[in-house]
Amino acid sequence: MALPRFLAAVAASVVLATGPALADEIGDIRTQFQQGDLAGALERADRYLAAHPENAQARFLKSLILADQGKPEDAIAVLDALSDDYPELPEPYNNLAVIHAAQGRYALALAMLEKALLAHPGHAIAHENLGDIHARLAAAAYEKAAALDDRNTTAKIKVAQMRALLEKQALDPAPAPFLENPPPAR
């Protein structure tokens, strides 16, 4: 679960046409975030959200900042509220799954990925993350089988194979801070 991959996703994000002033301010917060000024970016995001509380882009960016600050529960609260307000967006659900999975809460991660895919069946990152969660659950099942029967060589082989796979694997957050399917402006 590589939450630091948020920064890579941020670098690859695209700017949506949300109006030049709004995009500039959010872009400035994103830049501050990318440069590692998490406290400053969070303060600026909070100021922006005080004036524009419904802005999904800024709220999503705030969740990324909080996650990078090591405040997963605060990030979850922001993403939960965002998904309640904009259930048609897959990105908040996907990022909720990433955070839950990083904390070993795989059942919650699966539920969030299912919601992401209901919202957007073609969301490739959510599909990939779903596969990653299933791989982690499979590894746990093989480990349990090997532990229960020390003579089970096929389970031991599968454990080794899954560990090798999982070492290379990391869940991807949604590209950020700009949502792929922004809600209509309010």
C-alpha atoms as a PDB file:
ATOM      1  CA  MET A   1       0.000   0.000   0.000  1.00  0.00           C
ATOM      2  CA  ALA A   2       2.067   2.860  -1.208  1.00  0.00           C
ATOM      3  CA  LEU A   3       0.352   6.041  -0.126  1.00  0.00           C
ATOM      4  CA  PRO A   4       3.445   8.030  -1.203  1.00  0.00           C
ATOM      5  CA  ARG A   5       2.333   7.207  -4.736  1.00  0.00           C
ATOM      6  CA  PHE A   6      -0.162  10.032  -4.235  1.00  0.00           C
ATOM      7  CA  LEU A   7       2.619  12.419  -5.213  1.00  0.00           C
ATOM      8  CA  ALA A   8       3.249  10.560  -8.462  1.00  0.00           C
ATOM      9  CA  ALA A   9      -0.457  10.637  -9.219  1.00  0.00           C
ATOM     10  CA  VAL A  10      -0.600  14.342  -8.480  1.00  0.00           C
ATOM     11  CA  ALA A  11       2.248  15.019 -10.876  1.00  0.00           C
ATOM     12  CA  ALA A  12       0.388  13.211 -13.641  1.00  0.00           C
ATOM     13  CA  SER A  13      -2.942  14.998 -13.073  1.00  0.00           C
ATOM     14  CA  VAL A  14      -4.675  17.130 -15.655  1.00  0.00           C
ATOM     15  CA  VAL A  15      -6.347  20.484 -15.131  1.00  0.00           C
ATOM     16  CA  LEU A  16     -10.053  20.546 -15.763  1.00  0.00           C
ATOM     17  CA  ALA A  17     -11.871  23.548 -17.084  1.00  0.00           C
ATOM     18  CA  THR A  18     -13.382  24.744 -13.813  1.00  0.00           C
ATOM     19  CA  GLY A  19     -12.797  28.401 -14.495  1.00  0.00           C
ATOM     20  CA  PRO A  20      -9.391  30.061 -14.505  1.00  0.00           C
ATOM     21  CA  ALA A  21      -9.526  31.569 -11.017  1.00  0.00           C
ATOM     22  CA  LEU A  22     -10.684  28.362  -9.371  1.00  0.00           C
ATOM     23  CA  ALA A  23      -8.249  26.211 -11.331  1.00  0.00           C
ATOM     24  CA  ASP A  24      -5.385  28.585 -10.519  1.00  0.00           C
ATOM     25  CA  GLU A  25      -6.061  28.565  -6.786  1.00  0.00           C
ATOM     26  CA  ILE A  26      -6.447  24.807  -6.659  1.00  0.00           C
ATOM     27  CA  GLY A  27      -3.400  24.465  -8.906  1.00  0.00           C
ATOM     28  CA  ASP A  28      -1.414  26.616  -6.490  1.00  0.00           C
ATOM     29  CA  ILE A  29      -2.499  24.436  -3.558  1.00  0.00           C
ATOM     30  CA  ARG A  30      -1.567  21.345  -5.568  1.00  0.00           C
ATOM     31  CA  THR A  31       1.869  22.798  -6.315  1.00  0.00           C
ATOM     32  CA  GLN A  32       2.414  23.587  -2.649  1.00  0.00           C
ATOM     33  CA  PHE A  33       1.389  20.011  -1.836  1.00  0.00           C
ATOM     34  CA  GLN A  34       3.734  18.559  -4.475  1.00  0.00           C
ATOM     35  CA  GLN A  35       6.590  20.613  -3.090  1.00  0.00           C
ATOM     36  CA  GLY A  36       6.058  18.987   0.297  1.00  0.00           C
ATOM     37  CA  ASP A  37       4.603  21.965   2.145  1.00  0.00           C
ATOM     38  CA  LEU A  38       1.773  19.894   3.564  1.00  0.00           C
ATOM     39  CA  ALA A  39       0.913  22.217   6.438  1.00  0.00           C
ATOM     40  CA  GLY A  40       0.834  25.257   4.166  1.00  0.00           C
ATOM     41  CA  ALA A  41      -1.159  23.419   1.508  1.00  0.00           C
ATOM     42  CA  LEU A  42      -3.675  22.235   4.087  1.00  0.00           C
ATOM     43  CA  GLU A  43      -4.068  25.729   5.535  1.00  0.00           C
ATOM     44  CA  ARG A  44      -4.579  27.156   2.071  1.00  0.00           C
ATOM     45  CA  ALA A  45      -7.048  24.404   1.146  1.00  0.00           C
ATOM     46  CA  ASP A  46      -9.022  25.064   4.321  1.00  0.00           C
ATOM     47  CA  ARG A  47      -9.174  28.797   3.517  1.00  0.00           C
ATOM     48  CA  TYR A  48     -10.313  28.013  -0.015  1.00  0.00           C
ATOM     49  CA  LEU A  49     -12.942  25.567   1.230  1.00  0.00           C
ATOM     50  CA  ALA A  50     -14.266  28.126   3.719  1.00  0.00           C
ATOM     51  CA  ALA A  51     -15.253  30.229   0.698  1.00  0.00           C
ATOM     52  CA  HIS A  52     -16.131  27.275  -1.606  1.00  0.00           C
ATOM     53  CA  PRO A  53     -17.288  24.416   0.658  1.00  0.00           C
ATOM     54  CA  GLU A  54     -18.852  22.381  -2.151  1.00  0.00           C
ATOM     55  CA  ASN A  55     -15.790  22.342  -4.419  1.00  0.00           C
ATOM     56  CA  ALA A  56     -15.095  18.662  -5.010  1.00  0.00           C
ATOM     57  CA  GLN A  57     -11.598  19.263  -6.394  1.00  0.00           C
ATOM     58  CA  ALA A  58     -10.443  21.145  -3.305  1.00  0.00           C
ATOM     59  CA  ARG A  59     -12.042  18.633  -0.956  1.00  0.00           C
ATOM     60  CA  PHE A  60     -10.362  15.756  -2.784  1.00  0.00           C
ATOM     61  CA  LEU A  61      -7.015  17.537  -2.640  1.00  0.00           C
ATOM     62  CA  LYS A  62      -7.494  18.128   1.077  1.00  0.00           C
ATOM     63  CA  SER A  63      -7.969  14.383   1.571  1.00  0.00           C
ATOM     64  CA  LEU A  64      -4.669  13.729  -0.207  1.00  0.00           C
ATOM     65  CA  ILE A  65      -2.860  16.238   1.966  1.00  0.00           C
ATOM     66  CA  LEU A  66      -4.290  14.700   5.122  1.00  0.00           C
ATOM     67  CA  ALA A  67      -3.323  11.193   3.983  1.00  0.00           C
ATOM     68  CA  ASP A  68       0.223  12.339   3.262  1.00  0.00           C
ATOM     69  CA  GLN A  69       0.369  13.985   6.687  1.00  0.00           C
ATOM     70  CA  GLY A  70      -0.293  10.574   8.217  1.00  0.00           C
ATOM     71  CA  LYS A  71      -3.861  11.442   9.209  1.00  0.00           C
ATOM     72  CA  PRO A  72      -5.791   8.629   7.544  1.00  0.00           C
ATOM     73  CA  GLU A  73      -8.902   8.997   9.698  1.00  0.00           C
ATOM     74  CA  ASP A  74      -9.170  12.698   8.814  1.00  0.00           C
ATOM     75  CA  ALA A  75      -8.680  11.845   5.132  1.00  0.00           C
ATOM     76  CA  ILE A  76     -11.382   9.187   5.430  1.00  0.00           C
ATOM     77  CA  ALA A  77     -13.803  11.728   6.928  1.00  0.00           C
ATOM     78  CA  VAL A  78     -13.225  14.109   4.002  1.00  0.00           C
ATOM     79  CA  LEU A  79     -13.575  11.336   1.422  1.00  0.00           C
ATOM     80  CA  ASP A  80     -16.702   9.922   3.105  1.00  0.00           C
ATOM     81  CA  ALA A  81     -18.364  13.339   2.984  1.00  0.00           C
ATOM     82  CA  LEU A  82     -17.251  13.831  -0.612  1.00  0.00           C
ATOM     83  CA  SER A  83     -18.657  10.453  -1.661  1.00  0.00           C
ATOM     84  CA  ASP A  84     -21.922  11.253   0.143  1.00  0.00           C
ATOM     85  CA  ASP A  85     -22.212  14.563  -1.737  1.00  0.00           C
ATOM     86  CA  TYR A  86     -21.022  13.171  -5.085  1.00  0.00           C
ATOM     87  CA  PRO A  87     -21.816   9.433  -5.204  1.00  0.00           C
ATOM     88  CA  GLU A  88     -21.274   9.464  -8.971  1.00  0.00           C
ATOM     89  CA  LEU A  89     -17.522  10.041  -8.529  1.00  0.00           C
ATOM     90  CA  PRO A  90     -15.367   6.887  -8.362  1.00  0.00           C
ATOM     91  CA  GLU A  91     -12.182   8.601  -7.114  1.00  0.00           C
ATOM     92  CA  PRO A  92     -13.234   9.200  -3.490  1.00  0.00           C
ATOM     93  CA  TYR A  93     -14.284   5.553  -3.165  1.00  0.00           C
ATOM     94  CA  ASN A  94     -11.033   4.376  -4.744  1.00  0.00           C
ATOM     95  CA  ASN A  95      -8.939   6.479  -2.385  1.00  0.00           C
ATOM     96  CA  LEU A  96     -11.000   5.319   0.586  1.00  0.00           C
ATOM     97  CA  ALA A  97     -10.131   1.779  -0.497  1.00  0.00           C
ATOM     98  CA  VAL A  98      -6.423   2.642  -0.656  1.00  0.00           C
ATOM     99  CA  ILE A  99      -6.474   4.055   2.875  1.00  0.00           C
ATOM    100  CA  HIS A 100      -8.505   1.167   4.309  1.00  0.00           C
ATOM    101  CA  ALA A 101      -6.253  -1.396   2.630  1.00  0.00           C
ATOM    102  CA  ALA A 102      -3.133   0.345   3.953  1.00  0.00           C
ATOM    103  CA  GLN A 103      -4.569  -0.229   7.419  1.00  0.00           C
ATOM    104  CA  GLY A 104      -5.419  -3.884   6.724  1.00  0.00           C
ATOM    105  CA  ARG A 105      -9.166  -3.279   6.490  1.00  0.00           C
ATOM    106  CA  TYR A 106      -9.623  -5.314   3.331  1.00  0.00           C
ATOM    107  CA  ALA A 107     -13.374  -5.863   3.646  1.00  0.00           C
ATOM    108  CA  LEU A 108     -13.929  -2.097   3.754  1.00  0.00           C
ATOM    109  CA  ALA A 109     -11.491  -1.640   0.874  1.00  0.00           C
ATOM    110  CA  LEU A 110     -13.452  -4.163  -1.195  1.00  0.00           C
ATOM    111  CA  ALA A 111     -16.729  -2.406  -0.404  1.00  0.00           C
ATOM    112  CA  MET A 112     -15.304   0.952  -1.468  1.00  0.00           C
ATOM    113  CA  LEU A 113     -13.935  -0.463  -4.723  1.00  0.00           C
ATOM    114  CA  GLU A 114     -17.317  -1.998  -5.495  1.00  0.00           C
ATOM    115  CA  LYS A 115     -18.894   1.444  -5.012  1.00  0.00           C
ATOM    116  CA  ALA A 116     -16.229   3.019  -7.245  1.00  0.00           C
ATOM    117  CA  LEU A 117     -17.027   0.508  -9.974  1.00  0.00           C
ATOM    118  CA  LEU A 118     -20.767   1.017  -9.597  1.00  0.00           C
ATOM    119  CA  ALA A 119     -20.185   4.732 -10.050  1.00  0.00           C
ATOM    120  CA  HIS A 120     -17.872   4.207 -13.024  1.00  0.00           C
ATOM    121  CA  PRO A 121     -17.616   0.636 -14.372  1.00  0.00           C
ATOM    122  CA  GLY A 122     -14.689   1.605 -16.595  1.00  0.00           C
ATOM    123  CA  HIS A 123     -12.480   3.028 -13.841  1.00  0.00           C
ATOM    124  CA  ALA A 124      -9.242   1.161 -14.602  1.00  0.00           C
ATOM    125  CA  ILE A 125      -7.436   2.057 -11.370  1.00  0.00           C
ATOM    126  CA  ALA A 126     -10.315   0.731  -9.264  1.00  0.00           C
ATOM    127  CA  HIS A 127     -10.276  -2.526 -11.259  1.00  0.00           C
ATOM    128  CA  GLU A 128      -6.540  -2.887 -10.705  1.00  0.00           C
ATOM    129  CA  ASN A 129      -6.877  -2.129  -7.000  1.00  0.00           C
ATOM    130  CA  LEU A 130      -9.674  -4.690  -6.750  1.00  0.00           C
ATOM    131  CA  GLY A 131      -7.305  -7.288  -8.172  1.00  0.00           C
ATOM    132  CA  ASP A 132      -4.636  -6.224  -5.671  1.00  0.00           C
ATOM    133  CA  ILE A 133      -7.021  -6.647  -2.741  1.00  0.00           C
ATOM    134  CA  HIS A 134      -8.075 -10.075  -3.978  1.00  0.00           C
ATOM    135  CA  ALA A 135      -4.385 -11.022  -4.295  1.00  0.00           C
ATOM    136  CA  ARG A 136      -3.768  -9.971  -0.683  1.00  0.00           C
ATOM    137  CA  LEU A 137      -6.766 -11.975   0.487  1.00  0.00           C
ATOM    138  CA  ALA A 138      -5.590 -14.985  -1.529  1.00  0.00           C
ATOM    139  CA  ALA A 139      -2.138 -14.729   0.056  1.00  0.00           C
ATOM    140  CA  ALA A 140      -3.693 -14.715   3.517  1.00  0.00           C
ATOM    141  CA  ALA A 141      -5.766 -17.795   2.671  1.00  0.00           C
ATOM    142  CA  TYR A 142      -2.710 -19.667   1.353  1.00  0.00           C
ATOM    143  CA  GLU A 143      -0.740 -18.711   4.478  1.00  0.00           C
ATOM    144  CA  LYS A 144      -3.547 -20.037   6.661  1.00  0.00           C
ATOM    145  CA  ALA A 145      -3.670 -23.290   4.677  1.00  0.00           C
ATOM    146  CA  ALA A 146       0.107 -23.730   4.990  1.00  0.00           C
ATOM    147  CA  ALA A 147      -0.019 -22.990   8.724  1.00  0.00           C
ATOM    148  CA  LEU A 148      -2.831 -25.497   9.277  1.00  0.00           C
ATOM    149  CA  ASP A 149      -1.083 -28.277   7.353  1.00  0.00           C
ATOM    150  CA  ASP A 150       2.701 -28.155   7.449  1.00  0.00           C
ATOM    151  CA  ARG A 151       2.868 -30.899   4.783  1.00  0.00           C
ATOM    152  CA  ASN A 152       0.840 -28.902   2.244  1.00  0.00           C
ATOM    153  CA  THR A 153       3.594 -28.134  -0.260  1.00  0.00           C
ATOM    154  CA  THR A 154       1.281 -26.592  -2.864  1.00  0.00           C
ATOM    155  CA  ALA A 155       0.040 -24.033  -0.319  1.00  0.00           C
ATOM    156  CA  LYS A 156       3.661 -23.208   0.570  1.00  0.00           C
ATOM    157  CA  ILE A 157       4.520 -22.716  -3.100  1.00  0.00           C
ATOM    158  CA  LYS A 158       1.503 -20.461  -3.541  1.00  0.00           C
ATOM    159  CA  VAL A 159       2.485 -18.460  -0.450  1.00  0.00           C
ATOM    160  CA  ALA A 160       5.937 -17.867  -1.935  1.00  0.00           C
ATOM    161  CA  GLN A 161       4.464 -16.887  -5.298  1.00  0.00           C
ATOM    162  CA  MET A 162       1.962 -14.509  -3.746  1.00  0.00           C
ATOM    163  CA  ARG A 163       4.626 -12.890  -1.559  1.00  0.00           C
ATOM    164  CA  ALA A 164       6.773 -12.286  -4.641  1.00  0.00           C
ATOM    165  CA  LEU A 165       3.808 -10.737  -6.434  1.00  0.00           C
ATOM    166  CA  LEU A 166       2.779  -8.602  -3.464  1.00  0.00           C
ATOM    167  CA  GLU A 167       6.281  -7.201  -3.028  1.00  0.00           C
ATOM    168  CA  LYS A 168       5.955  -5.632  -6.482  1.00  0.00           C
ATOM    169  CA  GLN A 169       2.406  -4.466  -6.004  1.00  0.00           C
ATOM    170  CA  ALA A 170       1.023  -1.247  -4.588  1.00  0.00           C
ATOM    171  CA  LEU A 171      -2.490   0.108  -4.637  1.00  0.00           C
ATOM    172  CA  ASP A 172      -2.917   3.207  -6.760  1.00  0.00           C
ATOM    173  CA  PRO A 173      -4.860   6.220  -5.577  1.00  0.00           C
ATOM    174  CA  ALA A 174      -7.002   8.069  -8.032  1.00  0.00           C
ATOM    175  CA  PRO A 175      -5.191  10.720 -10.039  1.00  0.00           C
ATOM    176  CA  ALA A 176      -5.386  13.919  -8.136  1.00  0.00           C
ATOM    177  CA  PRO A 177      -6.253  16.563  -7.268  1.00  0.00           C
ATOM    178  CA  PHE A 178      -8.524  16.781 -10.276  1.00  0.00           C
ATOM    179  CA  LEU A 179     -11.340  14.301 -10.467  1.00  0.00           C
ATOM    180  CA  GLU A 180     -11.894  12.492 -13.738  1.00  0.00           C
ATOM    181  CA  ASN A 181     -15.655  12.975 -13.623  1.00  0.00           C
ATOM    182  CA  PRO A 182     -16.198  16.303 -11.904  1.00  0.00           C
ATOM    183  CA  PRO A 183     -19.662  17.107 -10.671  1.00  0.00           C
ATOM    184  CA  PRO A 184     -21.480  20.030 -12.236  1.00  0.00           C
ATOM    185  CA  ALA A 185     -20.538  23.385 -10.738  1.00  0.00           C
ATOM    186  CA  ARG A 186     -22.791  24.498  -7.899  1.00  0.00           C
END
